[in-house]
N, C-alpha and C. Protein backbone atom coordinates (compact mmCIF):
# COMPACT_ATOMS: atom_id res chain seq x y z
N UNK A 1 11.56 7.58 4.00
CA UNK A 1 10.90 5.99 4.79
C UNK A 1 10.98 6.41 5.98
N UNK A 2 9.99 6.12 6.48
CA UNK A 2 9.52 6.54 7.87
C UNK A 2 10.58 5.11 8.61
N UNK A 3 11.11 5.10 9.61
CA UNK A 3 11.61 4.18 10.59
C UNK A 3 11.26 3.23 11.27
N UNK A 4 10.07 3.31 11.43
CA UNK A 4 9.28 2.05 11.91
C UNK A 4 8.38 1.36 11.00
N UNK A 5 9.28 1.50 9.58
CA UNK A 5 8.64 0.62 8.47
C UNK A 5 9.62 0.15 7.69
N UNK A 6 9.79 -1.08 7.64
CA UNK A 6 11.25 -1.42 7.13
C UNK A 6 10.98 -1.55 5.68
N UNK A 7 12.28 -1.90 4.75
CA UNK A 7 12.34 -1.74 3.65
C UNK A 7 11.56 -3.31 3.54
N UNK A 8 10.70 -4.03 2.84
CA UNK A 8 10.03 -5.28 3.29
C UNK A 8 10.09 -6.41 2.23
N UNK A 9 10.29 -7.79 2.52
CA UNK A 9 10.27 -8.94 2.17
C UNK A 9 8.73 -9.10 1.29
N UNK A 10 8.03 -8.93 2.06
CA UNK A 10 6.22 -9.19 2.20
C UNK A 10 5.18 -7.91 2.24
N UNK A 11 4.83 -7.91 1.52
CA UNK A 11 4.20 -6.61 1.05
C UNK A 11 2.34 -6.79 0.84
N UNK A 12 1.48 -7.06 1.67
CA UNK A 12 0.36 -7.46 1.20
C UNK A 12 -0.93 -5.93 1.58
N UNK A 13 -1.75 -5.71 0.78
CA UNK A 13 -2.83 -4.57 0.80
C UNK A 13 -4.14 -5.24 1.13
N UNK A 14 -5.13 -4.96 2.05
CA UNK A 14 -5.95 -5.25 2.15
C UNK A 14 -7.28 -4.80 2.88
N UNK A 15 -8.88 -4.70 2.64
CA UNK A 15 -9.79 -4.01 3.75
C UNK A 15 -9.91 -4.64 4.60
N UNK A 16 -9.90 -4.31 5.50
CA UNK A 16 -10.73 -4.55 6.95
C UNK A 16 -11.57 -3.86 7.63
N UNK A 17 -12.59 -4.22 8.27
CA UNK A 17 -14.15 -3.18 8.91
C UNK A 17 -13.42 -2.66 9.79
N UNK A 18 -11.95 -2.68 10.59
CA UNK A 18 -11.58 -1.76 11.48
C UNK A 18 -10.01 -1.97 11.80
N UNK A 19 -9.55 -0.91 12.83
CA UNK A 19 -8.23 -1.16 13.04
C UNK A 19 -7.86 -1.92 13.77
N UNK A 20 -8.97 -2.30 14.52
CA UNK A 20 -8.62 -3.64 15.96
C UNK A 20 -8.06 -5.24 15.02
N UNK A 21 -9.34 -5.35 13.70
CA UNK A 21 -9.25 -6.51 12.73
C UNK A 21 -8.07 -6.31 12.04
N UNK A 22 -7.82 -4.75 11.45
CA UNK A 22 -6.21 -5.22 10.82
C UNK A 22 -5.05 -5.30 11.43
N UNK A 23 -5.02 -5.02 12.61
CA UNK A 23 -3.80 -5.19 13.50
C UNK A 23 -3.87 -6.64 14.00
N UNK A 24 -4.76 -7.37 14.09
CA UNK A 24 -4.56 -9.00 14.42
C UNK A 24 -3.94 -9.61 13.34
N UNK A 25 -3.79 -9.09 12.28
CA UNK A 25 -3.03 -9.86 11.23
C UNK A 25 -1.65 -9.56 11.54
N UNK A 26 -1.26 -8.88 12.27
CA UNK A 26 0.14 -8.56 11.53
C UNK A 26 0.83 -9.59 11.75
N UNK A 27 0.81 -11.10 13.06
CA UNK A 27 2.03 -11.78 12.78
C UNK A 27 1.74 -12.99 11.97
N UNK A 28 0.87 -12.90 11.20
CA UNK A 28 0.58 -13.86 9.81
C UNK A 28 0.32 -13.60 8.89
N UNK A 29 0.11 -12.40 8.64
CA UNK A 29 -0.22 -11.77 7.30
C UNK A 29 -1.99 -11.47 6.99
N UNK A 30 -2.14 -10.97 5.89
CA UNK A 30 -4.26 -11.09 5.95
C UNK A 30 -4.64 -11.61 4.75
N UNK A 31 -3.62 -12.63 4.40
CA UNK A 31 -4.27 -13.25 3.10
C UNK A 31 -5.49 -14.59 3.89
N UNK A 32 -5.10 -15.23 5.28
CA UNK A 32 -5.85 -15.87 5.19
C UNK A 32 -7.54 -15.56 6.23
N UNK A 33 -7.13 -13.95 5.89
CA UNK A 33 -8.99 -13.66 6.52
C UNK A 33 -9.45 -12.94 5.55
N UNK A 34 -8.50 -12.05 4.52
CA UNK A 34 -8.83 -11.13 3.86
C UNK A 34 -8.71 -11.45 2.12
N UNK A 35 -9.15 -10.74 1.18
CA UNK A 35 -8.80 -10.44 -0.43
C UNK A 35 -7.32 -9.59 -0.34
N UNK A 36 -6.40 -9.98 -0.65
CA UNK A 36 -5.12 -8.97 -0.62
C UNK A 36 -4.96 -8.71 -1.95
N UNK A 37 -3.74 -7.61 -2.09
CA UNK A 37 -2.76 -7.31 -3.45
C UNK A 37 -2.02 -7.53 -2.83
N UNK A 38 -1.23 -8.43 -3.42
CA UNK A 38 -0.36 -9.05 -3.15
C UNK A 38 1.10 -8.24 -3.89
N UNK A 39 2.32 -7.96 -2.82
CA UNK A 39 3.48 -7.10 -4.08
C UNK A 39 4.05 -8.31 -4.38
N UNK A 40 3.79 -10.14 -3.90
CA UNK A 40 4.62 -10.78 -4.96
C UNK A 40 6.32 -11.01 -4.52
N UNK A 41 6.44 -10.57 -3.15
CA UNK A 41 7.94 -10.74 -2.96
C UNK A 41 8.68 -9.64 -3.66
N UNK A 42 8.13 -8.38 -3.87
CA UNK A 42 9.01 -7.27 -4.75
C UNK A 42 9.53 -6.54 -3.20
N UNK A 43 11.20 -6.46 -3.16
CA UNK A 43 11.31 -5.47 -1.89
C UNK A 43 11.40 -4.03 -2.38
N UNK A 44 10.14 -3.37 -1.43
CA UNK A 44 10.14 -1.51 -1.73
C UNK A 44 10.01 -1.15 0.02
N UNK A 45 9.67 0.27 -0.13
CA UNK A 45 9.10 0.66 1.13
C UNK A 45 8.12 0.84 0.65
N UNK A 46 7.21 -0.13 1.49
CA UNK A 46 5.59 0.43 1.42
C UNK A 46 5.34 1.35 1.56
N UNK A 47 5.75 1.98 2.87
CA UNK A 47 5.23 3.81 3.34
C UNK A 47 5.55 4.64 2.33
N UNK A 48 6.68 4.28 1.56
CA UNK A 48 7.40 5.55 0.56
C UNK A 48 6.92 5.35 -0.91
N UNK A 49 6.44 3.92 -0.83
CA UNK A 49 5.55 3.93 -2.00
C UNK A 49 3.90 4.56 -2.24
N UNK A 50 3.49 4.09 -0.87
CA UNK A 50 2.01 4.45 -0.79
C UNK A 50 2.41 5.95 -0.72
N UNK A 51 2.93 7.06 -0.19
CA UNK A 51 2.86 8.04 0.32
C UNK A 51 3.43 8.66 -1.51
N UNK A 52 4.04 8.33 -1.87
CA UNK A 52 4.77 8.49 -3.54
C UNK A 52 3.56 8.34 -4.78
N UNK A 53 2.71 7.44 -4.37
CA UNK A 53 1.36 7.12 -5.46
C UNK A 53 0.36 7.73 -5.18
N UNK A 54 0.49 8.34 -3.93
CA UNK A 54 -0.73 9.48 -3.38
C UNK A 54 -0.46 10.56 -3.88
N UNK A 55 0.45 10.84 -3.78
CA UNK A 55 1.31 12.33 -4.70
C UNK A 55 0.89 12.35 -5.79
N UNK A 56 1.81 11.14 -6.51
CA UNK A 56 0.99 10.95 -8.36
C UNK A 56 -0.11 11.29 -8.62
N UNK A 57 -1.24 10.69 -7.86
CA UNK A 57 -2.46 10.10 -8.04
C UNK A 57 -3.05 11.34 -8.08
N UNK A 58 -2.53 12.16 -6.60
CA UNK A 58 -3.62 13.26 -6.70
C UNK A 58 -2.88 14.61 -7.43
N UNK A 59 -1.69 14.67 -7.85
CA UNK A 59 -1.07 15.37 -8.83
C UNK A 59 -0.45 16.60 -8.06
N UNK A 60 -0.41 16.48 -6.58
CA UNK A 60 0.36 17.54 -5.74
C UNK A 60 1.11 16.37 -4.85
N UNK A 61 1.97 17.65 -4.50
CA UNK A 61 3.37 17.10 -4.04
C UNK A 61 2.60 17.27 -1.97
N UNK A 62 2.39 16.60 -0.82
CA UNK A 62 2.26 16.51 0.22
C UNK A 62 3.75 16.71 1.14
N UNK A 63 3.71 17.46 1.94
CA UNK A 63 4.58 17.48 3.23
C UNK A 63 3.91 16.78 4.23
N UNK A 64 2.74 16.37 4.13
CA UNK A 64 2.15 15.55 5.25
C UNK A 64 2.21 13.80 5.40
N UNK A 65 2.71 13.37 6.13
CA UNK A 65 3.11 11.57 6.20
C UNK A 65 1.50 11.10 7.00
N UNK A 66 0.84 11.12 6.28
CA UNK A 66 -0.43 10.47 7.38
C UNK A 66 -0.62 9.07 7.21
N UNK A 67 0.28 8.61 7.38
CA UNK A 67 0.22 7.00 7.48
C UNK A 67 0.11 6.83 8.74
N UNK A 68 -0.80 5.98 9.49
CA UNK A 68 -1.09 5.67 10.60
C UNK A 68 -0.69 4.33 10.97
N UNK A 69 -0.03 4.10 11.84
CA UNK A 69 0.08 2.83 12.20
C UNK A 69 -0.98 2.16 12.92
N UNK A 70 -1.45 0.84 12.88
CA UNK A 70 -2.55 0.56 13.66
C UNK A 70 -1.87 -1.05 14.67
N UNK A 71 -0.81 -1.35 13.88
CA UNK A 71 0.06 -2.27 14.55
C UNK A 71 1.40 -1.96 14.77
N UNK A 72 1.76 -1.73 15.86
CA UNK A 72 3.32 -1.27 15.17
C UNK A 72 4.58 -2.37 15.07
N UNK A 73 5.58 -1.76 14.55
CA UNK A 73 6.91 -2.79 14.22
C UNK A 73 7.25 -3.09 15.33
N UNK A 74 7.17 -5.01 14.89
CA UNK A 74 7.56 -5.77 16.21
C UNK A 74 9.29 -6.24 15.75
N UNK A 75 9.54 -6.75 16.70
CA UNK A 75 11.04 -7.47 16.46
C UNK A 75 10.97 -8.43 15.38
N UNK A 76 9.73 -8.94 14.60
CA UNK A 76 10.10 -10.12 13.53
C UNK A 76 9.91 -9.44 12.45
N UNK A 77 9.71 -7.90 12.42
CA UNK A 77 9.82 -7.35 11.42
C UNK A 77 8.49 -6.72 10.44
N UNK A 78 7.10 -6.98 11.53
CA UNK A 78 6.01 -7.36 10.94
C UNK A 78 5.34 -5.82 11.58
N UNK A 79 4.39 -5.09 10.35
CA UNK A 79 3.78 -4.09 10.84
C UNK A 79 2.30 -3.80 10.23
N UNK A 80 1.40 -3.15 10.42
CA UNK A 80 0.18 -2.82 9.65
C UNK A 80 -0.27 -1.60 9.90
N UNK A 81 -0.18 -0.95 8.85
CA UNK A 81 -0.59 0.60 8.68
C UNK A 81 -1.83 1.01 7.61
N UNK A 82 -2.55 1.95 8.15
CA UNK A 82 -3.84 2.28 7.49
C UNK A 82 -3.32 3.37 6.48
N UNK A 83 -4.04 2.90 5.24
CA UNK A 83 -3.65 4.02 3.86
C UNK A 83 -4.28 5.49 4.14
N UNK A 84 -3.72 6.38 3.50
CA UNK A 84 -4.31 7.81 3.67
C UNK A 84 -5.56 7.56 3.35
N UNK A 85 -6.59 8.28 3.62
CA UNK A 85 -7.72 8.34 2.93
C UNK A 85 -7.93 8.94 1.76
N UNK A 86 -7.22 10.30 1.68
CA UNK A 86 -7.05 10.74 0.16
C UNK A 86 -6.95 9.73 -0.98
N UNK A 87 -5.53 9.05 -0.48
CA UNK A 87 -5.17 8.28 -1.50
C UNK A 87 -6.32 7.21 -2.03
N UNK A 88 -6.90 6.58 -1.22
CA UNK A 88 -8.05 5.49 -1.29
C UNK A 88 -8.95 6.31 -1.89
N UNK A 89 -9.40 7.24 -1.96
CA UNK A 89 -10.43 8.33 -2.56
C UNK A 89 -9.95 8.17 -3.57
N UNK A 90 -8.69 8.86 -4.04
CA UNK A 90 -8.42 8.56 -5.17
C UNK A 90 -8.12 7.64 -6.25
N UNK A 91 -8.03 6.22 -5.49
CA UNK A 91 -7.74 5.26 -6.41
C UNK A 91 -9.41 4.44 -6.50
N UNK A 92 -10.43 5.11 -5.87
CA UNK A 92 -11.33 4.62 -6.16
C UNK A 92 -11.94 5.32 -7.36
N UNK A 93 -11.58 6.70 -7.83
CA UNK A 93 -11.93 7.33 -9.04
C UNK A 93 -10.86 7.18 -10.23
N UNK A 94 -10.07 6.55 -9.86
CA UNK A 94 -8.79 6.66 -10.72
C UNK A 94 -9.55 5.60 -12.06
N UNK A 95 -9.03 6.21 -13.47
CA UNK A 95 -9.28 5.25 -14.39
C UNK A 95 -7.87 4.37 -14.54
N UNK A 96 -8.16 2.99 -15.15
CA UNK A 96 -6.85 2.33 -15.43
C UNK A 96 -5.62 2.84 -16.17
N UNK A 97 -5.82 3.98 -17.44
CA UNK A 97 -4.87 4.64 -17.68
C UNK A 97 -3.96 5.56 -16.91
N UNK A 98 -5.05 6.21 -15.61
CA UNK A 98 -4.25 7.20 -14.88
C UNK A 98 -3.51 6.26 -13.80
N UNK A 99 -3.87 5.21 -13.21
CA UNK A 99 -3.19 4.13 -12.62
C UNK A 99 -1.76 3.94 -13.35
N UNK A 100 -1.82 3.54 -14.49
CA UNK A 100 -0.51 2.98 -15.19
C UNK A 100 0.04 4.06 -15.04
N UNK A 101 0.02 5.21 -15.42
CA UNK A 101 0.27 6.76 -15.55
C UNK A 101 1.65 6.56 -14.08
N UNK A 102 0.54 6.36 -13.11
CA UNK A 102 1.46 6.25 -11.55
C UNK A 102 2.46 5.65 -11.41
N UNK A 103 2.19 4.26 -11.92
CA UNK A 103 3.25 3.21 -11.94
C UNK A 103 4.26 3.62 -12.89
N UNK A 104 4.20 4.26 -14.28
CA UNK A 104 5.08 4.90 -15.15
C UNK A 104 6.06 5.92 -14.57
N UNK A 105 5.56 6.67 -13.31
CA UNK A 105 6.27 7.60 -13.07
C UNK A 105 6.77 7.06 -11.29
N UNK A 106 6.25 6.05 -11.02
CA UNK A 106 7.23 5.78 -9.67
C UNK A 106 7.97 4.57 -9.97
N UNK A 107 8.23 3.55 -10.87
CA UNK A 107 8.75 2.81 -11.09
C UNK A 107 10.41 3.11 -11.18
N UNK A 108 10.82 4.19 -11.83
CA UNK A 108 12.20 4.85 -11.98
C UNK A 108 12.84 4.99 -10.38
N UNK A 109 11.84 5.57 -9.77
CA UNK A 109 12.19 6.22 -8.80
C UNK A 109 12.90 5.02 -7.97
N UNK A 110 11.97 4.16 -7.55
CA UNK A 110 12.09 2.88 -6.56
C UNK A 110 12.73 1.58 -7.37
N UNK A 111 13.33 2.31 -8.77
CA UNK A 111 14.57 0.99 -8.96
C UNK A 111 15.58 1.72 -8.57
N UNK A 112 15.49 3.35 -9.04
CA UNK A 112 17.05 4.07 -8.47
C UNK A 112 17.65 3.59 -6.84
N UNK A 113 16.62 3.23 -6.34
CA UNK A 113 16.60 3.01 -4.74
C UNK A 113 16.82 1.47 -4.40
N UNK A 114 17.37 0.92 -5.52
CA UNK A 114 17.41 -0.82 -5.74
C UNK A 114 16.72 -1.64 -5.81
N UNK A 115 15.29 -1.27 -5.79
CA UNK A 115 14.27 -2.39 -5.91
C UNK A 115 14.26 -2.69 -7.64
N UNK A 116 13.95 -3.82 -7.65
CA UNK A 116 13.66 -4.42 -9.01
C UNK A 116 12.05 -4.71 -9.36
N UNK A 117 11.89 -3.86 -10.10
CA UNK A 117 10.25 -3.60 -10.65
C UNK A 117 10.13 -3.39 -11.98
N UNK A 118 9.13 -3.80 -12.83
CA UNK A 118 8.90 -3.31 -14.09
C UNK A 118 7.82 -2.41 -13.84
N UNK A 119 7.26 -1.80 -14.46
CA UNK A 119 6.40 -0.98 -15.15
C UNK A 119 4.90 -1.73 -15.08
N UNK A 120 4.76 -2.76 -15.75
CA UNK A 120 3.88 -4.21 -15.68
C UNK A 120 3.23 -4.35 -14.20
N UNK A 121 4.58 -4.86 -13.19
CA UNK A 121 4.08 -5.22 -12.21
C UNK A 121 3.80 -4.20 -11.33
N UNK A 122 4.33 -2.90 -11.43
CA UNK A 122 3.84 -2.12 -10.44
C UNK A 122 2.18 -1.43 -11.13
N UNK A 123 2.01 -1.37 -12.59
CA UNK A 123 0.81 -1.26 -12.52
C UNK A 123 -0.23 -2.47 -12.19
N UNK A 124 -0.04 -3.26 -12.64
CA UNK A 124 -1.10 -4.19 -11.71
C UNK A 124 -1.35 -4.52 -10.52
N UNK A 125 0.07 -4.14 -9.49
CA UNK A 125 -0.13 -3.87 -8.19
C UNK A 125 -1.06 -2.65 -7.64
N UNK A 126 -0.93 -1.43 -8.50
CA UNK A 126 -1.72 -0.51 -8.32
C UNK A 126 -3.11 -0.48 -8.86
N UNK A 127 -3.57 -1.22 -9.71
CA UNK A 127 -5.06 -1.42 -9.87
C UNK A 127 -5.54 -2.70 -8.94
N UNK A 128 -4.82 -3.44 -8.60
CA UNK A 128 -5.18 -4.44 -7.41
C UNK A 128 -5.90 -3.86 -6.27
N UNK A 129 -4.98 -2.93 -6.19
CA UNK A 129 -5.09 -1.89 -4.73
C UNK A 129 -6.37 -0.91 -4.81
N UNK A 130 -6.47 -0.79 -6.11
CA UNK A 130 -7.33 0.41 -6.68
C UNK A 130 -8.71 -0.73 -6.54
N UNK A 131 -8.90 -1.79 -6.89
CA UNK A 131 -9.94 -2.75 -6.72
C UNK A 131 -10.36 -2.95 -5.46
N UNK A 132 -9.24 -3.17 -4.45
CA UNK A 132 -9.84 -3.25 -2.75
C UNK A 132 -10.52 -2.20 -2.58
N UNK A 133 -10.24 -0.71 -3.08
CA UNK A 133 -10.69 0.48 -2.61
C UNK A 133 -12.27 0.63 -3.05
N UNK A 134 -12.30 -0.12 -4.24
CA UNK A 134 -13.92 0.09 -5.12
C UNK A 134 -14.49 -0.92 -4.24
N UNK A 135 -14.14 -2.06 -3.75
CA UNK A 135 -14.91 -3.25 -2.78
C UNK A 135 -15.00 -2.59 -1.76
N UNK A 136 -14.56 -1.36 -1.14
CA UNK A 136 -14.61 -1.14 0.13
C UNK A 136 -15.74 -0.11 0.32
N UNK A 137 -15.96 0.66 -1.07
CA UNK A 137 -17.01 1.50 -0.98
C UNK A 137 -18.38 1.07 -0.44
N UNK A 138 -18.86 2.16 0.35
CA UNK A 138 -20.22 1.48 0.73
C UNK A 138 -20.59 0.74 2.09
N UNK A 139 -19.23 -0.07 2.74
CA UNK A 139 -18.81 -0.72 3.38
C UNK A 139 -18.05 0.27 4.53
N UNK A 140 -17.83 -0.45 5.91
CA UNK A 140 -17.01 0.16 6.76
C UNK A 140 -15.73 -0.01 6.59
N UNK A 141 -15.19 -0.86 5.30
CA UNK A 141 -14.13 -1.45 5.39
C UNK A 141 -13.07 0.13 4.63
N UNK A 142 -11.97 -0.16 5.67
CA UNK A 142 -10.82 0.36 5.39
C UNK A 142 -9.41 0.02 4.47
N UNK A 143 -8.86 0.41 3.92
CA UNK A 143 -7.46 -0.07 3.37
C UNK A 143 -6.44 0.08 4.36
N UNK A 144 -5.72 -1.28 4.54
CA UNK A 144 -4.44 -1.53 5.20
C UNK A 144 -3.09 -2.04 4.25
N UNK A 145 -2.06 -1.91 4.90
CA UNK A 145 -0.81 -2.44 4.63
C UNK A 145 -0.14 -3.27 5.69
N UNK A 146 -0.16 -4.52 5.23
CA UNK A 146 0.78 -5.15 6.12
C UNK A 146 1.99 -5.43 5.50
N UNK A 147 2.90 -5.42 6.37
CA UNK A 147 4.52 -5.64 5.54
C UNK A 147 5.45 -6.31 6.97
N UNK A 148 5.96 -7.04 6.25
CA UNK A 148 6.88 -8.08 6.88
C UNK A 148 8.57 -8.49 6.20
N UNK A 149 9.47 -8.77 7.11
CA UNK A 149 10.74 -8.73 7.02
C UNK A 149 11.12 -10.47 6.51
């Protein structure tokens, strides 16, 4: 887990046209301005999840932590980071079956760390993020994650 992204009570993934627009949602969250894939109060390390999903989806482990903070963590526990382009590209082309396989592989690891999530919930969340990624194709939008404690 990155030290600058906490275990989060609130996790929402969204697409925005630029880093500045994404950063502007840090205090209140993106749901008022953008369509979101909402983790629904599941407590997990969003940054670790994104890296794990990327590695599972691409089929190879990467030592590279390519998360980019666009709104640094502040004292209320909120932050916004950009999702890695490799992950977003993989989401766009992944089949529903492949997204479910990623969820099935990820859930045992995250539940071992104390999070409570089942495969169905994880698969639905990852599928929602993939829909956001597909919706951003052909636009200037990038995918981001907003977290808050």
